[in-house]
Amino acid sequence: MLIDVTTAPPAEGEPISYSRLPDGTTVAGQAKQTQERTLQQKLDAMNSAPTEPSGYELPEIRVDGEPWQPSTEETAAVDILKAMADTANLPAFEFANLAEIISRPGYAPMSEEAADAHLRREWAGQFDARATLVAQVLDEVESKHPGAMRWLEASGLGNNLDLINAIWRAASRRK
């Protein structure tokens, strides 16, 4: 139910009166609040972790212009990544970003030495504390999903700076 508080056209220079809801808010104000709530809900969903591993969604991945059809081995690898993301409490957008990065044509993993040197420079005096936090998450992943660490090492993803930083960010939020 709207209450029109405009009784006559405003005189020049007078503020325009808007239709108001019974609680006193304007219709435009109410619409804006609803829009802001909807946007906040979407942002919250992106910044939070799904409640289970299957809630992590891959972005559309194309190979040679065609939608990616994962093999059985690739599907198992994606399942390991989802389980890791779930254990690390990784936000949904971070998982989608990582999946997009590692699916790029020409993606080549870094060597362990190069990744270590890069992180030592990037994290500087916080290297030991951050590396310990990431290691704790990875230990938890391995205890819940035996073989995950072996797969990370074999695939080269264990040295992926984006993955390591995403795990660190998620782990530091859950402390």
C-alpha atoms as a PDB file:
ATOM      1  CA  MET A   1       0.000   0.000   0.000  1.00  0.00           C
ATOM      2  CA  LEU A   2       1.434   3.337  -1.054  1.00  0.00           C
ATOM      3  CA  ILE A   3       0.672   6.660   0.521  1.00  0.00           C
ATOM      4  CA  ASP A   4       1.122   9.531  -1.916  1.00  0.00           C
ATOM      5  CA  VAL A   5       2.425  12.474   0.032  1.00  0.00           C
ATOM      6  CA  THR A   6       2.410  14.744  -3.018  1.00  0.00           C
ATOM      7  CA  THR A   7      -0.686  16.914  -2.872  1.00  0.00           C
ATOM      8  CA  ALA A   8       0.247  19.409  -5.549  1.00  0.00           C
ATOM      9  CA  PRO A   9       3.114  19.910  -7.954  1.00  0.00           C
ATOM     10  CA  PRO A  10       6.038  21.451  -6.077  1.00  0.00           C
ATOM     11  CA  ALA A  11       6.741  25.100  -6.586  1.00  0.00           C
ATOM     12  CA  GLU A  12       9.968  25.953  -8.328  1.00  0.00           C
ATOM     13  CA  GLY A  13      12.913  25.327  -6.020  1.00  0.00           C
ATOM     14  CA  GLU A  14      10.957  23.146  -3.593  1.00  0.00           C
ATOM     15  CA  PRO A  15      12.051  19.537  -3.113  1.00  0.00           C
ATOM     16  CA  ILE A  16      10.077  16.877  -4.936  1.00  0.00           C
ATOM     17  CA  SER A  17       8.013  14.641  -2.656  1.00  0.00           C
ATOM     18  CA  TYR A  18       7.989  10.904  -3.366  1.00  0.00           C
ATOM     19  CA  SER A  19       5.433   8.230  -2.676  1.00  0.00           C
ATOM     20  CA  ARG A  20       6.163   6.681   0.686  1.00  0.00           C
ATOM     21  CA  LEU A  21       5.511   3.302   2.183  1.00  0.00           C
ATOM     22  CA  PRO A  22       3.668   3.112   5.517  1.00  0.00           C
ATOM     23  CA  ASP A  23       7.009   2.856   7.370  1.00  0.00           C
ATOM     24  CA  GLY A  24       8.049   6.216   5.930  1.00  0.00           C
ATOM     25  CA  THR A  25      10.603   4.991   3.410  1.00  0.00           C
ATOM     26  CA  THR A  26      10.300   6.078  -0.176  1.00  0.00           C
ATOM     27  CA  VAL A  27       9.501   3.546  -2.855  1.00  0.00           C
ATOM     28  CA  ALA A  28      12.839   4.336  -4.491  1.00  0.00           C
ATOM     29  CA  GLY A  29      14.619   3.878  -1.148  1.00  0.00           C
ATOM     30  CA  GLN A  30      12.931   0.524  -0.585  1.00  0.00           C
ATOM     31  CA  ALA A  31      13.890  -0.664  -4.070  1.00  0.00           C
ATOM     32  CA  LYS A  32      17.490   0.405  -3.469  1.00  0.00           C
ATOM     33  CA  GLN A  33      17.621  -1.455  -0.135  1.00  0.00           C
ATOM     34  CA  THR A  34      16.244  -4.602  -1.776  1.00  0.00           C
ATOM     35  CA  GLN A  35      18.788  -4.319  -4.585  1.00  0.00           C
ATOM     36  CA  GLU A  36      21.622  -3.806  -2.088  1.00  0.00           C
ATOM     37  CA  ARG A  37      20.502  -6.855  -0.068  1.00  0.00           C
ATOM     38  CA  THR A  38      20.408  -8.969  -3.232  1.00  0.00           C
ATOM     39  CA  LEU A  39      23.870  -7.803  -4.267  1.00  0.00           C
ATOM     40  CA  GLN A  40      25.206  -8.432  -0.760  1.00  0.00           C
ATOM     41  CA  GLN A  41      23.765 -11.960  -0.792  1.00  0.00           C
ATOM     42  CA  LYS A  42      25.489 -12.647  -4.118  1.00  0.00           C
ATOM     43  CA  LEU A  43      28.763 -11.222  -2.805  1.00  0.00           C
ATOM     44  CA  ASP A  44      28.477 -13.255   0.400  1.00  0.00           C
ATOM     45  CA  ALA A  45      27.871 -16.417  -1.645  1.00  0.00           C
ATOM     46  CA  MET A  46      30.968 -15.748  -3.757  1.00  0.00           C
ATOM     47  CA  ASN A  47      33.121 -15.005  -0.718  1.00  0.00           C
ATOM     48  CA  SER A  48      32.005 -17.991   1.295  1.00  0.00           C
ATOM     49  CA  ALA A  49      32.839 -21.634   0.918  1.00  0.00           C
ATOM     50  CA  PRO A  50      30.165 -24.065  -0.255  1.00  0.00           C
ATOM     51  CA  THR A  51      28.881 -26.430   2.412  1.00  0.00           C
ATOM     52  CA  GLU A  52      30.269 -29.507   0.623  1.00  0.00           C
ATOM     53  CA  PRO A  53      32.864 -30.280  -2.066  1.00  0.00           C
ATOM     54  CA  SER A  54      30.248 -30.777  -4.788  1.00  0.00           C
ATOM     55  CA  GLY A  55      29.230 -27.131  -4.301  1.00  0.00           C
ATOM     56  CA  TYR A  56      32.445 -25.938  -5.955  1.00  0.00           C
ATOM     57  CA  GLU A  57      31.767 -25.241  -9.603  1.00  0.00           C
ATOM     58  CA  LEU A  58      34.242 -25.086 -12.424  1.00  0.00           C
ATOM     59  CA  PRO A  59      34.061 -22.177 -14.828  1.00  0.00           C
ATOM     60  CA  GLU A  60      33.409 -23.115 -18.447  1.00  0.00           C
ATOM     61  CA  ILE A  61      36.644 -24.555 -19.767  1.00  0.00           C
ATOM     62  CA  ARG A  62      37.196 -24.774 -23.490  1.00  0.00           C
ATOM     63  CA  VAL A  63      39.830 -26.832 -25.263  1.00  0.00           C
ATOM     64  CA  ASP A  64      40.471 -25.872 -28.876  1.00  0.00           C
ATOM     65  CA  GLY A  65      37.235 -23.885 -28.815  1.00  0.00           C
ATOM     66  CA  GLU A  66      35.151 -26.843 -27.661  1.00  0.00           C
ATOM     67  CA  PRO A  67      33.689 -27.430 -24.175  1.00  0.00           C
ATOM     68  CA  TRP A  68      36.063 -29.527 -22.089  1.00  0.00           C
ATOM     69  CA  GLN A  69      35.064 -33.157 -21.667  1.00  0.00           C
ATOM     70  CA  PRO A  70      37.188 -34.425 -18.770  1.00  0.00           C
ATOM     71  CA  SER A  71      38.599 -37.920 -18.831  1.00  0.00           C
ATOM     72  CA  THR A  72      38.135 -40.236 -15.861  1.00  0.00           C
ATOM     73  CA  GLU A  73      41.589 -39.218 -14.595  1.00  0.00           C
ATOM     74  CA  GLU A  74      40.800 -35.504 -15.022  1.00  0.00           C
ATOM     75  CA  THR A  75      37.472 -35.929 -13.240  1.00  0.00           C
ATOM     76  CA  ALA A  76      39.310 -37.582 -10.333  1.00  0.00           C
ATOM     77  CA  ALA A  77      41.777 -34.657 -10.291  1.00  0.00           C
ATOM     78  CA  VAL A  78      38.910 -32.158 -10.159  1.00  0.00           C
ATOM     79  CA  ASP A  79      37.360 -34.128  -7.298  1.00  0.00           C
ATOM     80  CA  ILE A  80      40.668 -33.932  -5.400  1.00  0.00           C
ATOM     81  CA  LEU A  81      40.802 -30.170  -5.986  1.00  0.00           C
ATOM     82  CA  LYS A  82      37.214 -29.806  -4.757  1.00  0.00           C
ATOM     83  CA  ALA A  83      37.982 -31.853  -1.649  1.00  0.00           C
ATOM     84  CA  MET A  84      41.073 -29.736  -0.999  1.00  0.00           C
ATOM     85  CA  ALA A  85      39.099 -26.536  -1.466  1.00  0.00           C
ATOM     86  CA  ASP A  86      36.463 -27.833   0.945  1.00  0.00           C
ATOM     87  CA  THR A  87      39.047 -28.798   3.573  1.00  0.00           C
ATOM     88  CA  ALA A  88      40.788 -25.421   3.223  1.00  0.00           C
ATOM     89  CA  ASN A  89      37.395 -23.639   3.329  1.00  0.00           C
ATOM     90  CA  LEU A  90      38.281 -21.872   0.099  1.00  0.00           C
ATOM     91  CA  PRO A  91      35.737 -19.296  -1.107  1.00  0.00           C
ATOM     92  CA  ALA A  92      33.884 -20.337  -4.264  1.00  0.00           C
ATOM     93  CA  PHE A  93      35.381 -17.533  -6.360  1.00  0.00           C
ATOM     94  CA  GLU A  94      38.939 -18.581  -5.411  1.00  0.00           C
ATOM     95  CA  PHE A  95      38.240 -22.145  -6.557  1.00  0.00           C
ATOM     96  CA  ALA A  96      36.800 -20.965  -9.880  1.00  0.00           C
ATOM     97  CA  ASN A  97      39.774 -18.639 -10.357  1.00  0.00           C
ATOM     98  CA  LEU A  98      42.265 -21.451  -9.705  1.00  0.00           C
ATOM     99  CA  ALA A  99      40.463 -23.802 -12.070  1.00  0.00           C
ATOM    100  CA  GLU A 100      40.555 -21.146 -14.775  1.00  0.00           C
ATOM    101  CA  ILE A 101      44.275 -20.488 -14.231  1.00  0.00           C
ATOM    102  CA  ILE A 102      45.367 -24.104 -14.415  1.00  0.00           C
ATOM    103  CA  SER A 103      43.188 -24.795 -17.473  1.00  0.00           C
ATOM    104  CA  ARG A 104      44.830 -22.068 -19.572  1.00  0.00           C
ATOM    105  CA  PRO A 105      46.605 -23.317 -22.676  1.00  0.00           C
ATOM    106  CA  GLY A 106      50.324 -23.471 -22.059  1.00  0.00           C
ATOM    107  CA  TYR A 107      49.996 -23.576 -18.261  1.00  0.00           C
ATOM    108  CA  ALA A 108      53.234 -24.999 -16.914  1.00  0.00           C
ATOM    109  CA  PRO A 109      53.795 -25.658 -13.215  1.00  0.00           C
ATOM    110  CA  MET A 110      56.779 -24.126 -11.445  1.00  0.00           C
ATOM    111  CA  SER A 111      59.563 -26.158  -9.954  1.00  0.00           C
ATOM    112  CA  GLU A 112      59.557 -26.547  -6.179  1.00  0.00           C
ATOM    113  CA  GLU A 113      62.745 -24.474  -5.945  1.00  0.00           C
ATOM    114  CA  ALA A 114      61.333 -21.621  -8.046  1.00  0.00           C
ATOM    115  CA  ALA A 115      58.069 -21.589  -6.055  1.00  0.00           C
ATOM    116  CA  ASP A 116      59.953 -21.587  -2.755  1.00  0.00           C
ATOM    117  CA  ALA A 117      62.225 -18.716  -3.877  1.00  0.00           C
ATOM    118  CA  HIS A 118      59.259 -16.699  -5.138  1.00  0.00           C
ATOM    119  CA  LEU A 119      57.269 -17.158  -1.922  1.00  0.00           C
ATOM    120  CA  ARG A 120      60.280 -16.292   0.222  1.00  0.00           C
ATOM    121  CA  ARG A 121      60.523 -12.971  -1.653  1.00  0.00           C
ATOM    122  CA  GLU A 122      56.765 -12.341  -1.653  1.00  0.00           C
ATOM    123  CA  TRP A 123      56.108 -13.294   1.964  1.00  0.00           C
ATOM    124  CA  ALA A 124      59.484 -12.023   3.265  1.00  0.00           C
ATOM    125  CA  GLY A 125      59.546 -12.075   7.085  1.00  0.00           C
ATOM    126  CA  GLN A 126      56.203 -13.884   7.224  1.00  0.00           C
ATOM    127  CA  PHE A 127      57.387 -16.841   5.136  1.00  0.00           C
ATOM    128  CA  ASP A 128      57.808 -19.342   7.981  1.00  0.00           C
ATOM    129  CA  ALA A 129      54.457 -18.565   9.625  1.00  0.00           C
ATOM    130  CA  ARG A 130      52.553 -18.628   6.335  1.00  0.00           C
ATOM    131  CA  ALA A 131      54.286 -21.767   5.080  1.00  0.00           C
ATOM    132  CA  THR A 132      53.468 -23.495   8.380  1.00  0.00           C
ATOM    133  CA  LEU A 133      49.799 -22.521   8.057  1.00  0.00           C
ATOM    134  CA  VAL A 134      49.628 -23.825   4.468  1.00  0.00           C
ATOM    135  CA  ALA A 135      51.386 -27.046   5.527  1.00  0.00           C
ATOM    136  CA  GLN A 136      48.831 -27.570   8.319  1.00  0.00           C
ATOM    137  CA  VAL A 137      45.966 -27.283   5.828  1.00  0.00           C
ATOM    138  CA  LEU A 138      47.704 -29.642   3.404  1.00  0.00           C
ATOM    139  CA  ASP A 139      48.304 -32.140   6.236  1.00  0.00           C
ATOM    140  CA  GLU A 140      44.580 -31.960   7.009  1.00  0.00           C
ATOM    141  CA  VAL A 141      43.772 -32.484   3.320  1.00  0.00           C
ATOM    142  CA  GLU A 142      46.058 -35.528   3.181  1.00  0.00           C
ATOM    143  CA  SER A 143      44.531 -37.027   6.332  1.00  0.00           C
ATOM    144  CA  LYS A 144      41.019 -36.667   4.885  1.00  0.00           C
ATOM    145  CA  HIS A 145      41.995 -37.561   1.307  1.00  0.00           C
ATOM    146  CA  PRO A 146      44.979 -39.949   1.292  1.00  0.00           C
ATOM    147  CA  GLY A 147      47.015 -39.550  -1.884  1.00  0.00           C
ATOM    148  CA  ALA A 148      46.098 -35.890  -2.426  1.00  0.00           C
ATOM    149  CA  MET A 149      49.636 -34.712  -1.671  1.00  0.00           C
ATOM    150  CA  ARG A 150      51.146 -37.294  -4.020  1.00  0.00           C
ATOM    151  CA  TRP A 151      48.771 -36.103  -6.735  1.00  0.00           C
ATOM    152  CA  LEU A 152      49.630 -32.438  -6.053  1.00  0.00           C
ATOM    153  CA  GLU A 153      53.332 -33.204  -6.394  1.00  0.00           C
ATOM    154  CA  ALA A 154      52.900 -35.337  -9.521  1.00  0.00           C
ATOM    155  CA  SER A 155      50.684 -32.753 -11.224  1.00  0.00           C
ATOM    156  CA  GLY A 156      52.923 -29.830 -10.286  1.00  0.00           C
ATOM    157  CA  LEU A 157      49.992 -28.037  -8.637  1.00  0.00           C
ATOM    158  CA  GLY A 158      51.718 -28.319  -5.284  1.00  0.00           C
ATOM    159  CA  ASN A 159      54.057 -25.585  -6.533  1.00  0.00           C
ATOM    160  CA  ASN A 160      51.328 -23.387  -7.996  1.00  0.00           C
ATOM    161  CA  LEU A 161      51.656 -19.933  -6.414  1.00  0.00           C
ATOM    162  CA  ASP A 162      47.970 -19.143  -6.938  1.00  0.00           C
ATOM    163  CA  LEU A 163      46.941 -22.333  -5.148  1.00  0.00           C
ATOM    164  CA  ILE A 164      49.410 -21.803  -2.305  1.00  0.00           C
ATOM    165  CA  ASN A 165      48.306 -18.188  -1.806  1.00  0.00           C
ATOM    166  CA  ALA A 166      44.623 -19.140  -1.966  1.00  0.00           C
ATOM    167  CA  ILE A 167      45.137 -21.822   0.685  1.00  0.00           C
ATOM    168  CA  TRP A 168      47.054 -19.358   2.858  1.00  0.00           C
ATOM    169  CA  ARG A 169      44.296 -16.699   2.545  1.00  0.00           C
ATOM    170  CA  ALA A 170      41.571 -19.218   3.380  1.00  0.00           C
ATOM    171  CA  ALA A 171      43.560 -20.675   6.288  1.00  0.00           C
ATOM    172  CA  SER A 172      44.320 -17.259   7.737  1.00  0.00           C
ATOM    173  CA  ARG A 173      40.594 -16.392   7.680  1.00  0.00           C
ATOM    174  CA  ARG A 174      39.627 -19.535   9.611  1.00  0.00           C
ATOM    175  CA  LYS A 175      42.110 -19.075  12.487  1.00  0.00           C
END
